[in-house]
Amino acid sequence: MKKIMLSFLFAGSGCLAMAQDYSKVTTMYSLKKYEDAKKEVDKMATDAKAKDKAETYLWQAAVNSELFKDSSLYVKYPDAADQAYSSLLTYQQKDPTLKTLKEAGAINSLQWLYLSSFNQGKKYFSESKWPEAFSNFKRAVDMSEFINNNGFSATKLALDTITVLYTGYAAQNSGKPDSANIYYQKLADLKIGGTEMEPMYEYMLTNLSKMNQPEKFTKYLAVAKELYPDKAGVWSQIEMSNMTSSSTLSQIIDKYKADAASGQMTEDQLITYAESFASPTKEQLASLDSSQQIQLKLTAAEAFAKAFNINPKGLYAFNAGVLTYNIFNTLDDKFFSLRGESASLKAQRAEVQKQQMGYADSALVWLEKGYEILKAKTNREKSESTSLNRTVDYLANLYMWKRDRSKGVAPKDYDKYDAKYNQYSDEHDKYKAM
């Protein structure tokens, strides 16, 4: 850590020169009787003459800093650090040029407000006490900026990077994404990178997307891409997720069509599109009529199929098949709703069945691809076993339907489909995840 040390030296004569009213505080402070000094300066803060003087709050800051630094006194005055920093800010309001602070040679104790805050933050950090760590690190960052911005550091630093990173991480683990982003953005503004910083950019961009802050998202995405060109897949996925969460369904579909036409989409991009289309929100689904809902499923299936062509995963094939199978099932419900013997109803049923045949054939192709890959896999994950178990049931249903359609019409097809039906039916619950 680049430690920031105040150039503060205890200048007894300088402090005494502040005003004769402060002689008691000065004496107690010099003798390290900080509790007595606190009582005196707190009393002065309520005095009509002293409460408006900048020096009063400078002394409050100094005394409370010493109480915070001393572990035995800190137990008795747990809010000493907060009081010290609050008093320092009040002093600055009353003396914006910090004239007294500078002319007096300042007070040695103030440097400990930064150092002790940092050390306390590290202590809580190591104990995974995130809110406490965040509170102390935040104060350390504020103090380092006060020191740096007002010329009290021998070396001008752009940022106290380690303290800022600790603060952001503590905020993140405290469930404070807004606060975490504030500190992470300080680092990103300086384009601070390194292997250990890459997760920070992922977290920050994900939060900016959720917070719907497009300008900042675009800005820091560009920084992330510049610093970590080898993580192009990660940034692409985050960018796609942001796009799908901040655009209307029709806008996403139009973007998908344009990207698909280019032929340059990555596996991650295709899967992001596919999952977005396969699981629309209730609001998105309500905006579509039945034919549009079918088209959305087909578009999702197409995206999964394209991803499969890049990387032949069994789950990609399963998803492409099951989406088409669901359309088949929807049409099956429609078929049975068209009951009656009128010529019109018979014609409508024939048309529905014709559509079903196309979807059944497509579903069979993709479900069987998924079946072959998942069945051959010896170390299936739970989701893969569940999908494989469902696949044999879907295949059995589809082949039974095709078998029944060929009964008395195409005997060879009947026998072929019946054999397939029996094959998959016999495997019912064979791959059930335990």
Protein backbone atom coordinates (compact mmCIF):
# COMPACT_ATOMS: atom_id res chain seq x y z
CA MET A 1 0.00 0.00 0.00
CA LYS A 2 1.23 3.46 -0.81
CA LYS A 3 0.94 4.94 2.64
CA ILE A 4 -0.12 8.55 2.85
CA MET A 5 1.61 10.28 5.73
CA LEU A 6 0.61 13.72 6.88
CA SER A 7 3.41 16.22 7.16
CA PHE A 8 1.83 17.15 10.47
CA LEU A 9 4.21 17.84 13.32
CA PHE A 10 3.11 18.76 16.78
CA ALA A 11 4.15 22.38 17.08
CA GLY A 12 3.35 23.31 20.64
CA SER A 13 3.87 27.03 20.16
CA GLY A 14 1.81 26.97 17.00
CA CYS A 15 -1.09 25.26 18.64
CA LEU A 16 -0.96 27.62 21.58
CA ALA A 17 -1.01 30.49 19.14
CA MET A 18 -4.44 29.41 17.91
CA ALA A 19 -6.06 31.19 20.80
CA GLN A 20 -5.54 31.50 24.52
CA ASP A 21 -9.01 29.98 25.07
CA TYR A 22 -7.59 26.60 24.09
CA SER A 23 -4.81 26.47 26.69
CA LYS A 24 -6.57 23.83 28.81
CA VAL A 25 -7.14 21.58 25.80
CA THR A 26 -3.56 22.14 24.65
CA THR A 27 -2.16 21.22 28.05
CA MET A 28 -4.28 18.08 28.42
CA TYR A 29 -3.45 17.05 24.88
CA SER A 30 0.29 17.59 25.50
CA LEU A 31 0.07 15.44 28.62
CA LYS A 32 -1.84 12.76 26.61
CA LYS A 33 -4.86 13.14 28.86
CA TYR A 34 -7.14 12.71 25.89
CA GLU A 35 -10.31 11.91 27.84
CA ASP A 36 -9.96 15.13 29.81
CA ALA A 37 -9.14 16.99 26.62
CA LYS A 38 -12.30 15.60 25.03
CA LYS A 39 -14.49 16.76 27.91
CA GLU A 40 -13.00 20.22 27.68
CA VAL A 41 -13.29 20.63 23.91
CA ASP A 42 -16.80 19.15 23.82
CA LYS A 43 -17.78 21.67 26.47
CA MET A 44 -16.32 24.43 24.32
CA ALA A 45 -18.36 23.23 21.34
CA THR A 46 -21.50 24.20 23.28
CA ASP A 47 -20.09 27.53 24.45
CA ALA A 48 -21.58 30.58 22.75
CA LYS A 49 -18.16 32.10 22.02
CA ALA A 50 -16.24 28.98 21.04
CA LYS A 51 -18.84 26.95 19.12
CA ASP A 52 -18.48 29.03 15.97
CA LYS A 53 -14.69 29.02 15.96
CA ALA A 54 -12.93 26.77 13.48
CA GLU A 55 -10.24 25.90 16.02
CA THR A 56 -12.79 24.21 18.28
CA TYR A 57 -13.58 21.61 15.66
CA LEU A 58 -9.95 21.18 14.70
CA TRP A 59 -9.22 20.27 18.30
CA GLN A 60 -12.23 17.97 18.44
CA ALA A 61 -10.89 16.18 15.39
CA ALA A 62 -7.43 15.86 16.94
CA VAL A 63 -8.62 14.63 20.33
CA ASN A 64 -11.08 12.10 18.93
CA SER A 65 -8.40 10.82 16.54
CA GLU A 66 -6.20 10.04 19.51
CA LEU A 67 -9.05 8.24 21.28
CA PHE A 68 -9.62 6.17 18.15
CA LYS A 69 -5.92 5.34 17.83
CA ASP A 70 -5.64 4.04 21.39
CA SER A 71 -7.24 0.56 21.52
CA SER A 72 -8.02 0.83 25.24
CA LEU A 73 -9.78 4.16 24.78
CA TYR A 74 -11.49 3.15 21.54
CA VAL A 75 -13.55 0.60 23.48
CA LYS A 76 -14.92 3.43 25.61
CA TYR A 77 -15.43 5.78 22.67
CA PRO A 78 -16.49 3.56 19.73
CA ASP A 79 -17.74 6.54 17.72
CA ALA A 80 -14.52 8.54 18.17
CA ALA A 81 -13.42 8.08 14.56
CA ASP A 82 -16.74 9.23 13.16
CA GLN A 83 -16.72 12.21 15.48
CA ALA A 84 -13.15 13.05 14.46
CA TYR A 85 -13.95 13.04 10.77
CA SER A 86 -17.22 14.92 11.25
CA SER A 87 -15.38 17.57 13.26
CA LEU A 88 -12.71 17.85 10.57
CA LEU A 89 -15.38 18.50 7.94
CA THR A 90 -17.01 21.11 10.18
CA TYR A 91 -13.63 22.75 10.66
CA GLN A 92 -13.11 22.83 6.90
CA GLN A 93 -16.50 24.49 6.41
CA LYS A 94 -15.55 27.21 8.86
CA ASP A 95 -12.01 27.60 7.53
CA PRO A 96 -12.16 26.59 3.81
CA THR A 97 -8.56 27.65 3.19
CA LEU A 98 -7.40 25.46 6.12
CA LYS A 99 -5.36 28.47 7.25
CA THR A 100 -5.27 27.49 10.91
CA LEU A 101 -4.41 23.89 10.13
CA LYS A 102 -1.50 24.92 7.95
CA GLU A 103 -0.18 27.84 10.00
CA ALA A 104 -0.24 25.91 13.26
CA GLY A 105 1.93 23.22 11.77
CA ALA A 106 -1.19 21.16 12.24
CA ILE A 107 -1.79 18.52 14.83
CA ASN A 108 0.04 15.22 14.74
CA SER A 109 -2.99 13.13 15.68
CA LEU A 110 -4.87 13.70 12.44
CA GLN A 111 -2.61 11.37 10.49
CA TRP A 112 -3.83 8.57 12.71
CA LEU A 113 -7.39 9.07 11.57
CA TYR A 114 -6.29 7.74 8.19
CA LEU A 115 -3.89 5.07 9.42
CA SER A 116 -6.10 3.81 12.25
CA SER A 117 -9.14 3.72 9.98
CA PHE A 118 -7.22 1.66 7.44
CA ASN A 119 -5.89 -0.74 10.09
CA GLN A 120 -9.32 -1.17 11.67
CA GLY A 121 -10.74 -1.78 8.22
CA LYS A 122 -8.16 -4.51 7.59
CA LYS A 123 -8.94 -6.10 10.94
CA TYR A 124 -12.66 -6.30 10.20
CA PHE A 125 -11.91 -7.34 6.62
CA SER A 126 -9.89 -10.35 7.83
CA GLU A 127 -12.82 -11.26 10.10
CA SER A 128 -15.31 -10.95 7.21
CA LYS A 129 -17.18 -8.25 9.12
CA TRP A 130 -18.01 -6.41 5.95
CA PRO A 131 -20.17 -3.48 7.15
CA GLU A 132 -17.57 -2.57 9.78
CA ALA A 133 -14.74 -2.97 7.28
CA PHE A 134 -16.56 -0.79 4.77
CA SER A 135 -17.21 1.96 7.33
CA ASN A 136 -13.53 2.15 8.32
CA PHE A 137 -12.13 1.86 4.82
CA LYS A 138 -14.54 4.54 3.60
CA ARG A 139 -13.24 6.90 6.25
CA ALA A 140 -9.66 6.01 5.29
CA VAL A 141 -10.39 6.87 1.65
CA ASP A 142 -12.01 10.15 2.66
CA MET A 143 -9.01 11.04 4.79
CA SER A 144 -6.51 10.08 2.10
CA GLU A 145 -8.33 12.35 -0.32
CA PHE A 146 -8.37 15.16 2.24
CA ILE A 147 -4.64 14.73 2.80
CA ASN A 148 -3.81 14.47 -0.88
CA ASN A 149 -6.10 17.22 -2.15
CA ASN A 150 -4.93 19.74 0.43
CA GLY A 151 -1.21 19.28 0.01
CA PHE A 152 -0.46 17.40 3.24
CA SER A 153 1.22 14.52 1.47
CA ALA A 154 4.89 14.65 0.50
CA THR A 155 4.01 12.83 -2.72
CA LYS A 156 1.00 13.72 -4.84
CA LEU A 157 -0.93 10.53 -5.55
CA ALA A 158 -3.69 10.13 -8.10
CA LEU A 159 -5.41 7.63 -5.84
CA ASP A 160 -4.82 5.48 -2.77
CA THR A 161 -5.54 2.42 -4.89
CA ILE A 162 -5.31 -0.36 -2.31
CA THR A 163 -7.57 1.40 0.18
CA VAL A 164 -10.09 2.20 -2.53
CA LEU A 165 -10.11 -1.43 -3.70
CA TYR A 166 -10.59 -2.70 -0.15
CA THR A 167 -13.45 -0.23 0.33
CA GLY A 168 -15.20 -1.33 -2.85
CA TYR A 169 -14.80 -5.00 -2.00
CA ALA A 170 -16.11 -4.50 1.54
CA ALA A 171 -19.11 -2.62 0.12
CA GLN A 172 -19.69 -5.42 -2.38
CA ASN A 173 -19.67 -8.07 0.35
CA SER A 174 -21.94 -5.88 2.49
CA GLY A 175 -24.57 -6.00 -0.24
CA LYS A 176 -24.06 -2.34 -1.17
CA PRO A 177 -23.66 -2.43 -4.98
CA ASP A 178 -24.19 1.32 -5.36
CA SER A 179 -21.37 2.06 -2.92
CA ALA A 180 -19.12 -0.62 -4.39
CA ASN A 181 -19.50 0.91 -7.84
CA ILE A 182 -18.53 4.36 -6.55
CA TYR A 183 -15.13 3.07 -5.42
CA TYR A 184 -14.58 0.68 -8.33
CA GLN A 185 -15.25 3.51 -10.77
CA LYS A 186 -12.46 5.54 -9.13
CA LEU A 187 -10.07 2.75 -10.12
CA ALA A 188 -11.57 2.27 -13.57
CA ASP A 189 -11.28 5.99 -14.29
CA LEU A 190 -7.51 5.58 -13.98
CA LYS A 191 -7.62 2.37 -16.06
CA ILE A 192 -6.07 0.36 -13.26
CA GLY A 193 -5.84 -3.25 -14.37
CA GLY A 194 -4.12 -6.50 -13.50
CA THR A 195 -5.37 -10.06 -13.17
CA GLU A 196 -6.71 -9.48 -9.67
CA MET A 197 -8.80 -6.51 -10.83
CA GLU A 198 -10.67 -8.23 -13.65
CA PRO A 199 -13.54 -9.55 -11.44
CA MET A 200 -14.05 -5.97 -10.27
CA TYR A 201 -14.86 -4.86 -13.82
CA GLU A 202 -17.28 -7.78 -14.28
CA TYR A 203 -19.09 -6.89 -11.05
CA MET A 204 -19.19 -3.18 -11.83
CA LEU A 205 -20.54 -3.66 -15.37
CA THR A 206 -23.18 -6.13 -14.20
CA ASN A 207 -24.34 -3.61 -11.60
CA LEU A 208 -24.41 -0.72 -14.06
CA SER A 209 -26.57 -2.83 -16.33
CA LYS A 210 -28.99 -3.62 -13.48
CA MET A 211 -29.03 0.05 -12.48
CA ASN A 212 -29.86 1.02 -16.07
CA GLN A 213 -26.96 3.46 -16.44
CA PRO A 214 -26.19 3.10 -20.17
CA GLU A 215 -23.63 5.90 -20.44
CA LYS A 216 -21.48 4.59 -17.59
CA PHE A 217 -21.94 1.03 -18.80
CA THR A 218 -20.65 1.94 -22.25
CA LYS A 219 -17.76 3.95 -20.79
CA TYR A 220 -16.47 1.25 -18.46
CA LEU A 221 -17.14 -1.59 -20.90
CA ALA A 222 -14.70 0.14 -23.26
CA VAL A 223 -12.13 0.35 -20.45
CA ALA A 224 -12.60 -3.34 -19.61
CA LYS A 225 -12.17 -4.36 -23.26
CA GLU A 226 -9.01 -2.27 -23.50
CA LEU A 227 -7.47 -3.68 -20.31
CA TYR A 228 -8.50 -7.31 -20.84
CA PRO A 229 -8.66 -8.09 -24.57
CA ASP A 230 -8.24 -11.80 -23.78
CA LYS A 231 -11.61 -11.73 -21.96
CA ALA A 232 -13.56 -10.75 -25.08
CA GLY A 233 -16.08 -13.54 -24.46
CA VAL A 234 -16.85 -12.26 -20.97
CA TRP A 235 -17.36 -8.68 -22.11
CA SER A 236 -19.47 -9.85 -25.05
CA GLN A 237 -21.75 -11.83 -22.75
CA ILE A 238 -22.13 -8.92 -20.33
CA GLU A 239 -22.81 -6.57 -23.22
CA MET A 240 -25.44 -8.93 -24.61
CA SER A 241 -27.09 -9.35 -21.22
CA ASN A 242 -27.22 -5.58 -20.83
CA MET A 243 -28.78 -5.23 -24.26
CA THR A 244 -31.46 -7.86 -23.60
CA SER A 245 -32.36 -6.35 -20.22
CA SER A 246 -32.61 -2.75 -21.43
CA SER A 247 -34.38 -3.21 -24.79
CA THR A 248 -37.87 -4.20 -25.86
CA LEU A 249 -38.44 -7.69 -27.17
CA SER A 250 -38.95 -6.45 -30.74
CA GLN A 251 -35.67 -4.47 -30.53
CA ILE A 252 -33.82 -7.57 -29.32
CA ILE A 253 -35.27 -9.69 -32.12
CA ASP A 254 -34.31 -7.09 -34.72
CA LYS A 255 -30.79 -6.94 -33.27
CA TYR A 256 -30.56 -10.73 -33.32
CA LYS A 257 -31.60 -10.89 -36.97
CA ALA A 258 -29.01 -8.29 -37.91
CA ASP A 259 -26.28 -10.09 -35.94
CA ALA A 260 -27.30 -13.48 -37.33
CA ALA A 261 -27.09 -12.13 -40.87
CA SER A 262 -23.49 -11.08 -40.25
CA GLY A 263 -22.53 -14.65 -39.37
CA GLN A 264 -20.07 -13.33 -36.76
CA MET A 265 -21.88 -14.16 -33.54
CA THR A 266 -20.05 -16.05 -30.82
CA GLU A 267 -21.43 -18.97 -28.85
CA ASP A 268 -21.95 -16.76 -25.81
CA GLN A 269 -23.86 -14.16 -27.83
CA LEU A 270 -26.11 -16.80 -29.36
CA ILE A 271 -26.87 -18.36 -25.98
CA THR A 272 -27.69 -14.98 -24.48
CA TYR A 273 -30.15 -14.35 -27.31
CA ALA A 274 -31.53 -17.88 -27.08
CA GLU A 275 -32.15 -17.73 -23.34
CA SER A 276 -33.74 -14.29 -23.67
CA PHE A 277 -36.17 -15.56 -26.32
CA ALA A 278 -36.83 -18.86 -24.55
CA SER A 279 -37.72 -17.21 -21.23
CA PRO A 280 -39.50 -13.91 -21.94
CA THR A 281 -41.04 -11.99 -19.07
CA LYS A 282 -44.80 -12.10 -18.51
CA GLU A 283 -45.03 -8.55 -19.76
CA GLN A 284 -43.11 -9.39 -22.94
CA LEU A 285 -45.21 -12.49 -23.57
CA ALA A 286 -48.46 -10.59 -23.04
CA SER A 287 -47.52 -8.21 -25.84
CA LEU A 288 -47.42 -11.06 -28.39
CA ASP A 289 -50.29 -12.84 -30.11
CA SER A 290 -50.22 -16.64 -30.51
CA SER A 291 -48.44 -16.62 -33.87
CA GLN A 292 -45.79 -14.23 -32.53
CA GLN A 293 -45.26 -16.45 -29.51
CA ILE A 294 -44.65 -19.41 -31.81
CA GLN A 295 -42.21 -17.35 -33.85
CA LEU A 296 -40.36 -16.36 -30.68
CA LYS A 297 -39.91 -20.03 -29.73
CA LEU A 298 -38.65 -20.79 -33.23
CA THR A 299 -36.17 -17.92 -33.01
CA ALA A 300 -34.93 -19.22 -29.66
CA ALA A 301 -34.59 -22.73 -31.11
CA GLU A 302 -32.69 -21.31 -34.08
CA ALA A 303 -30.25 -19.51 -31.78
CA PHE A 304 -29.65 -22.70 -29.76
CA ALA A 305 -29.10 -24.61 -33.00
CA LYS A 306 -26.56 -22.05 -34.20
CA ALA A 307 -24.75 -22.28 -30.87
CA PHE A 308 -24.75 -26.10 -31.22
CA ASN A 309 -23.13 -25.78 -34.61
CA ILE A 310 -20.29 -23.82 -32.96
CA ASN A 311 -20.04 -26.05 -29.89
CA PRO A 312 -22.09 -29.30 -30.04
CA LYS A 313 -23.32 -29.45 -26.46
CA GLY A 314 -26.12 -31.84 -25.66
CA LEU A 315 -28.10 -29.19 -23.77
CA TYR A 316 -28.06 -26.87 -26.78
CA ALA A 317 -29.58 -29.59 -28.94
CA PHE A 318 -32.08 -30.48 -26.19
CA ASN A 319 -33.21 -26.87 -25.89
CA ALA A 320 -33.60 -26.48 -29.65
CA GLY A 321 -35.67 -29.67 -29.69
CA VAL A 322 -37.83 -28.97 -26.67
CA LEU A 323 -38.78 -25.49 -27.91
CA THR A 324 -40.02 -27.01 -31.15
CA TYR A 325 -41.70 -29.82 -29.21
CA ASN A 326 -43.61 -27.24 -27.19
CA ILE A 327 -45.00 -25.73 -30.41
CA PHE A 328 -46.03 -29.24 -31.47
CA ASN A 329 -47.87 -29.67 -28.15
CA THR A 330 -49.64 -26.31 -28.52
CA LEU A 331 -50.89 -27.40 -31.94
CA ASP A 332 -51.96 -30.73 -30.48
CA ASP A 333 -54.21 -28.89 -28.05
CA LYS A 334 -55.59 -26.88 -30.95
CA PHE A 335 -56.25 -30.06 -32.95
CA PHE A 336 -58.37 -31.58 -30.19
CA SER A 337 -60.28 -28.35 -29.72
CA LEU A 338 -61.52 -28.58 -33.31
CA ARG A 339 -64.05 -31.31 -32.64
CA GLY A 340 -66.85 -31.94 -35.05
CA GLU A 341 -67.58 -33.60 -38.34
CA SER A 342 -68.21 -30.57 -40.51
CA ALA A 343 -66.11 -30.17 -43.63
CA SER A 344 -64.67 -26.94 -42.23
CA LEU A 345 -63.52 -28.53 -38.98
CA LYS A 346 -62.04 -31.51 -40.80
CA ALA A 347 -60.10 -29.15 -43.07
CA GLN A 348 -58.82 -27.17 -40.10
CA ARG A 349 -57.70 -30.34 -38.31
CA ALA A 350 -55.89 -31.48 -41.43
CA GLU A 351 -54.06 -28.16 -41.63
CA VAL A 352 -53.08 -28.31 -37.95
CA GLN A 353 -51.83 -31.86 -38.35
CA LYS A 354 -49.77 -30.84 -41.37
CA GLN A 355 -48.10 -28.12 -39.28
CA GLN A 356 -47.57 -30.59 -36.45
CA MET A 357 -45.76 -32.98 -38.73
CA GLY A 358 -43.16 -30.36 -39.62
CA TYR A 359 -42.56 -29.42 -35.98
CA ALA A 360 -42.50 -33.09 -34.91
CA ASP A 361 -39.80 -33.87 -37.48
CA SER A 362 -37.71 -30.87 -36.44
CA ALA A 363 -38.09 -31.69 -32.75
CA LEU A 364 -37.06 -35.31 -33.39
CA VAL A 365 -33.87 -34.23 -35.16
CA TRP A 366 -32.69 -32.01 -32.31
CA LEU A 367 -33.92 -34.18 -29.45
CA GLU A 368 -32.14 -37.21 -30.88
CA LYS A 369 -28.93 -35.20 -31.31
CA GLY A 370 -29.17 -34.20 -27.68
CA TYR A 371 -30.02 -37.76 -26.67
CA GLU A 372 -26.96 -39.25 -28.36
CA ILE A 373 -24.56 -36.70 -26.84
CA LEU A 374 -26.01 -36.74 -23.33
CA LYS A 375 -26.35 -40.52 -23.21
CA ALA A 376 -22.72 -40.98 -24.22
CA LYS A 377 -21.53 -38.61 -21.51
CA THR A 378 -20.28 -40.48 -18.44
CA ASN A 379 -19.99 -37.53 -16.07
CA ARG A 380 -23.33 -35.85 -16.63
CA GLU A 381 -24.28 -32.88 -14.47
CA LYS A 382 -27.66 -32.92 -12.75
CA SER A 383 -29.21 -30.60 -15.37
CA GLU A 384 -27.95 -32.89 -18.13
CA SER A 385 -29.39 -36.01 -16.49
CA THR A 386 -32.72 -34.24 -15.99
CA SER A 387 -32.76 -33.13 -19.62
CA LEU A 388 -31.85 -36.62 -20.86
CA ASN A 389 -34.60 -38.14 -18.73
CA ARG A 390 -37.13 -35.73 -20.23
CA THR A 391 -35.77 -36.31 -23.73
CA VAL A 392 -36.69 -40.01 -23.83
CA ASP A 393 -40.27 -39.16 -22.83
CA TYR A 394 -40.56 -36.46 -25.50
CA LEU A 395 -39.13 -38.79 -28.13
CA ALA A 396 -41.51 -41.57 -27.09
CA ASN A 397 -44.47 -39.18 -27.38
CA LEU A 398 -43.40 -37.93 -30.80
CA TYR A 399 -42.81 -41.40 -32.24
CA MET A 400 -46.10 -42.64 -30.83
CA TRP A 401 -47.84 -39.71 -32.54
CA LYS A 402 -46.10 -40.40 -35.86
CA ARG A 403 -46.82 -44.13 -35.52
CA ASP A 404 -50.51 -43.50 -34.98
CA ARG A 405 -50.66 -41.15 -37.97
CA SER A 406 -49.18 -43.89 -40.19
CA LYS A 407 -51.48 -46.66 -38.97
CA GLY A 408 -53.32 -48.21 -41.90
CA VAL A 409 -51.59 -45.77 -44.25
CA ALA A 410 -47.87 -46.68 -44.31
CA PRO A 411 -47.19 -50.08 -42.64
CA LYS A 412 -43.39 -49.79 -42.94
CA ASP A 413 -43.42 -46.41 -41.29
CA TYR A 414 -45.73 -47.76 -38.61
CA ASP A 415 -43.29 -50.55 -37.73
CA LYS A 416 -40.30 -48.13 -37.74
CA TYR A 417 -42.01 -45.59 -35.51
CA ASP A 418 -43.36 -48.30 -33.22
CA ALA A 419 -39.84 -49.67 -32.70
CA LYS A 420 -38.59 -46.16 -31.88
CA TYR A 421 -41.49 -45.60 -29.51
CA ASN A 422 -40.72 -48.83 -27.65
CA GLN A 423 -37.01 -47.97 -27.47
CA TYR A 424 -37.56 -44.64 -25.78
CA SER A 425 -40.56 -45.75 -23.75
CA ASP A 426 -38.45 -48.51 -22.21
CA GLU A 427 -35.97 -45.89 -21.03
CA HIS A 428 -38.56 -43.91 -19.05
CA ASP A 429 -36.96 -42.67 -15.81
CA LYS A 430 -33.73 -44.49 -16.65
CA TYR A 431 -31.70 -41.28 -16.45
CA LYS A 432 -33.52 -39.68 -13.56
CA ALA A 433 -31.18 -37.42 -11.61
CA MET A 434 -30.58 -38.66 -8.08
